[in-house]
Each structure stands twice: as structure tokens, then as C-alpha cells.
Amino acid sequence: MSKSITVVLPDEIEARLEEVSSAKGVSAPEWVSDAIRRQLFLHEFEEIRAEAMAELDSRGVQLTDEDVFRIVS
């Protein structure tokens, strides 16, 4: 199921959106939908990261993002 929403954009953003989406061969609504999807993913990632870091901190483990990157690489 899809739902429509109205987004009010400043003229300069609308012009840039039309330019970029046209160059990429996608519609402006597809471009906006993808941007929202990416922001939702980022939000979820940040929530999970905060929970994991809080859990590690409660166990006395201090890791930086670089430490985690090194561990998983």
C-alpha cells in the first residue's frame, strides 16, 4: 500500500531535485522516497548504535567507532 504526502520545497531545492533526478533517470517522487528511506535507515542505525554503546558502557567496555571498525574489518 502506498500513501501520498505533500512536501513543500524552496524553489532552489525543487530545481536541484528536478535536475538531479532527471540526470539519474528517476522521478522526483522516487528520489524523495529513496531519501526518506535512507534517513529512516540512518535513524534506526543510530538507535541501535546508541543501545549497543550503552550496553558496552554498562559492562565497563569503552570502544570508539574506529575500534569497532577495526574489529569487524
N, C-alpha and C. Protein backbone atom coordinates (compact mmCIF):
# COMPACT_ATOMS: atom_id res chain seq x y z
N MET A 1 0.84 -1.18 0.00
CA MET A 1 0.00 0.00 0.00
C MET A 1 0.88 1.24 0.00
N SER A 2 0.55 2.20 -0.79
CA SER A 2 1.29 3.45 -0.87
C SER A 2 0.45 4.60 -0.34
N LYS A 3 1.11 5.61 0.17
CA LYS A 3 0.42 6.78 0.65
C LYS A 3 1.11 8.01 0.08
N SER A 4 0.33 8.97 -0.28
CA SER A 4 0.88 10.23 -0.80
C SER A 4 0.98 11.25 0.31
N ILE A 5 2.05 12.02 0.26
CA ILE A 5 2.21 13.15 1.17
C ILE A 5 2.60 14.36 0.34
N THR A 6 2.39 15.53 0.89
CA THR A 6 2.77 16.76 0.21
C THR A 6 4.00 17.32 0.90
N VAL A 7 5.00 17.64 0.11
CA VAL A 7 6.23 18.22 0.62
C VAL A 7 6.40 19.59 -0.04
N VAL A 8 6.56 20.61 0.77
CA VAL A 8 6.78 21.95 0.25
C VAL A 8 8.29 22.20 0.22
N LEU A 9 8.80 22.48 -0.98
CA LEU A 9 10.23 22.70 -1.16
C LEU A 9 10.51 24.13 -1.59
N PRO A 10 11.58 24.72 -1.08
CA PRO A 10 12.00 26.01 -1.62
C PRO A 10 12.33 25.85 -3.11
N ASP A 11 12.16 26.91 -3.86
CA ASP A 11 12.37 26.86 -5.31
C ASP A 11 13.73 26.29 -5.69
N GLU A 12 14.78 26.69 -4.98
CA GLU A 12 16.12 26.24 -5.35
C GLU A 12 16.30 24.73 -5.12
N ILE A 13 15.67 24.19 -4.09
CA ILE A 13 15.75 22.75 -3.84
C ILE A 13 14.92 22.00 -4.88
N GLU A 14 13.76 22.51 -5.20
CA GLU A 14 12.93 21.86 -6.21
C GLU A 14 13.66 21.83 -7.56
N ALA A 15 14.30 22.93 -7.92
CA ALA A 15 15.03 22.98 -9.19
C ALA A 15 16.18 21.97 -9.20
N ARG A 16 16.90 21.90 -8.10
CA ARG A 16 18.03 20.95 -8.00
C ARG A 16 17.52 19.52 -8.03
N LEU A 17 16.41 19.25 -7.35
CA LEU A 17 15.81 17.92 -7.34
C LEU A 17 15.43 17.51 -8.76
N GLU A 18 14.79 18.38 -9.49
CA GLU A 18 14.39 18.07 -10.86
C GLU A 18 15.62 17.81 -11.73
N GLU A 19 16.65 18.62 -11.55
CA GLU A 19 17.88 18.48 -12.33
C GLU A 19 18.56 17.14 -12.05
N VAL A 20 18.72 16.81 -10.79
CA VAL A 20 19.43 15.59 -10.42
C VAL A 20 18.60 14.35 -10.74
N SER A 21 17.32 14.37 -10.41
CA SER A 21 16.51 13.19 -10.69
C SER A 21 16.42 12.92 -12.18
N SER A 22 16.33 13.97 -12.97
CA SER A 22 16.29 13.81 -14.42
C SER A 22 17.61 13.22 -14.93
N ALA A 23 18.73 13.72 -14.40
CA ALA A 23 20.04 13.21 -14.81
C ALA A 23 20.21 11.74 -14.41
N LYS A 24 19.62 11.35 -13.30
CA LYS A 24 19.72 9.97 -12.82
C LYS A 24 18.68 9.05 -13.48
N GLY A 25 17.71 9.65 -14.16
CA GLY A 25 16.68 8.85 -14.83
C GLY A 25 15.61 8.31 -13.90
N VAL A 26 15.39 9.01 -12.79
CA VAL A 26 14.33 8.63 -11.86
C VAL A 26 13.41 9.83 -11.67
N SER A 27 12.21 9.55 -11.23
CA SER A 27 11.28 10.65 -11.00
C SER A 27 11.62 11.35 -9.68
N ALA A 28 11.19 12.57 -9.55
CA ALA A 28 11.40 13.31 -8.30
C ALA A 28 10.76 12.58 -7.12
N PRO A 29 9.53 12.04 -7.25
CA PRO A 29 8.95 11.29 -6.13
C PRO A 29 9.78 10.06 -5.74
N GLU A 30 10.34 9.36 -6.72
CA GLU A 30 11.21 8.22 -6.41
C GLU A 30 12.45 8.67 -5.65
N TRP A 31 13.01 9.80 -6.08
CA TRP A 31 14.21 10.35 -5.44
C TRP A 31 13.90 10.71 -3.98
N VAL A 32 12.77 11.37 -3.76
CA VAL A 32 12.37 11.77 -2.41
C VAL A 32 12.09 10.54 -1.55
N SER A 33 11.41 9.55 -2.11
CA SER A 33 11.12 8.32 -1.38
C SER A 33 12.41 7.62 -0.96
N ASP A 34 13.38 7.57 -1.85
CA ASP A 34 14.67 6.96 -1.52
C ASP A 34 15.38 7.74 -0.42
N ALA A 35 15.32 9.07 -0.47
CA ALA A 35 15.95 9.90 0.56
C ALA A 35 15.32 9.64 1.93
N ILE A 36 14.00 9.51 1.96
CA ILE A 36 13.31 9.23 3.22
C ILE A 36 13.69 7.84 3.72
N ARG A 37 13.73 6.86 2.82
CA ARG A 37 14.12 5.51 3.19
C ARG A 37 15.53 5.50 3.81
N ARG A 38 16.45 6.23 3.21
CA ARG A 38 17.82 6.31 3.74
C ARG A 38 17.86 6.99 5.11
N GLN A 39 17.08 8.02 5.30
CA GLN A 39 17.04 8.70 6.59
C GLN A 39 16.45 7.79 7.67
N LEU A 40 15.44 7.02 7.33
CA LEU A 40 14.86 6.08 8.29
C LEU A 40 15.88 5.00 8.67
N PHE A 41 16.63 4.50 7.69
CA PHE A 41 17.67 3.52 7.97
C PHE A 41 18.74 4.12 8.89
N LEU A 42 19.16 5.34 8.59
CA LEU A 42 20.17 6.00 9.42
C LEU A 42 19.66 6.19 10.85
N HIS A 43 18.41 6.58 10.99
CA HIS A 43 17.81 6.75 12.31
C HIS A 43 17.85 5.43 13.09
N GLU A 44 17.44 4.35 12.43
CA GLU A 44 17.43 3.04 13.08
C GLU A 44 18.86 2.62 13.47
N PHE A 45 19.81 2.84 12.57
CA PHE A 45 21.20 2.52 12.86
C PHE A 45 21.70 3.28 14.08
N GLU A 46 21.41 4.57 14.15
CA GLU A 46 21.85 5.39 15.27
C GLU A 46 21.23 4.92 16.59
N GLU A 47 19.96 4.50 16.55
CA GLU A 47 19.31 3.97 17.76
C GLU A 47 19.98 2.69 18.22
N ILE A 48 20.25 1.78 17.28
CA ILE A 48 20.89 0.51 17.62
C ILE A 48 22.30 0.77 18.15
N ARG A 49 23.02 1.67 17.51
CA ARG A 49 24.38 2.00 17.94
C ARG A 49 24.36 2.55 19.36
N ALA A 50 23.44 3.45 19.66
CA ALA A 50 23.36 4.04 21.00
C ALA A 50 23.06 2.97 22.05
N GLU A 51 22.15 2.03 21.72
CA GLU A 51 21.83 0.95 22.65
C GLU A 51 23.05 0.05 22.88
N ALA A 52 23.75 -0.27 21.81
CA ALA A 52 24.93 -1.13 21.93
C ALA A 52 26.02 -0.45 22.74
N MET A 53 26.25 0.82 22.48
CA MET A 53 27.29 1.55 23.22
C MET A 53 26.91 1.67 24.69
N ALA A 54 25.63 1.87 25.00
CA ALA A 54 25.19 1.94 26.39
C ALA A 54 25.40 0.61 27.09
N GLU A 55 25.11 -0.49 26.39
CA GLU A 55 25.31 -1.82 26.95
C GLU A 55 26.80 -2.07 27.22
N LEU A 56 27.64 -1.73 26.27
CA LEU A 56 29.08 -1.90 26.47
C LEU A 56 29.58 -1.04 27.63
N ASP A 57 29.09 0.20 27.68
CA ASP A 57 29.49 1.11 28.76
C ASP A 57 29.09 0.55 30.12
N SER A 58 27.89 -0.06 30.20
CA SER A 58 27.44 -0.63 31.47
C SER A 58 28.32 -1.80 31.91
N ARG A 59 29.00 -2.40 30.93
CA ARG A 59 29.92 -3.51 31.24
C ARG A 59 31.36 -3.03 31.42
N GLY A 60 31.54 -1.71 31.35
CA GLY A 60 32.87 -1.15 31.54
C GLY A 60 33.76 -1.21 30.31
N VAL A 61 33.16 -1.46 29.16
CA VAL A 61 33.91 -1.54 27.90
C VAL A 61 33.78 -0.21 27.17
N GLN A 62 34.89 0.39 26.84
CA GLN A 62 34.90 1.66 26.11
C GLN A 62 35.46 1.42 24.71
N LEU A 63 34.64 1.59 23.70
CA LEU A 63 35.08 1.42 22.32
C LEU A 63 34.77 2.68 21.53
N THR A 64 35.68 3.03 20.64
CA THR A 64 35.42 4.12 19.70
C THR A 64 34.86 3.51 18.41
N ASP A 65 34.36 4.35 17.54
CA ASP A 65 33.90 3.86 16.24
C ASP A 65 35.06 3.20 15.49
N GLU A 66 36.26 3.75 15.63
CA GLU A 66 37.43 3.19 14.98
C GLU A 66 37.73 1.79 15.51
N ASP A 67 37.56 1.59 16.82
CA ASP A 67 37.76 0.26 17.42
C ASP A 67 36.80 -0.75 16.80
N VAL A 68 35.54 -0.37 16.69
CA VAL A 68 34.52 -1.25 16.14
C VAL A 68 34.83 -1.55 14.67
N PHE A 69 35.22 -0.54 13.93
CA PHE A 69 35.57 -0.74 12.52
C PHE A 69 36.71 -1.73 12.40
N ARG A 70 37.73 -1.58 13.23
CA ARG A 70 38.88 -2.48 13.21
C ARG A 70 38.46 -3.92 13.55
N ILE A 71 37.55 -4.08 14.51
CA ILE A 71 37.09 -5.40 14.92
C ILE A 71 36.32 -6.11 13.80
N VAL A 72 35.45 -5.38 13.12
CA VAL A 72 34.61 -6.00 12.11
C VAL A 72 35.25 -6.07 10.72
N SER A 73 36.37 -5.42 10.56
CA SER A 73 37.04 -5.44 9.22
C SER A 73 37.90 -6.66 9.03
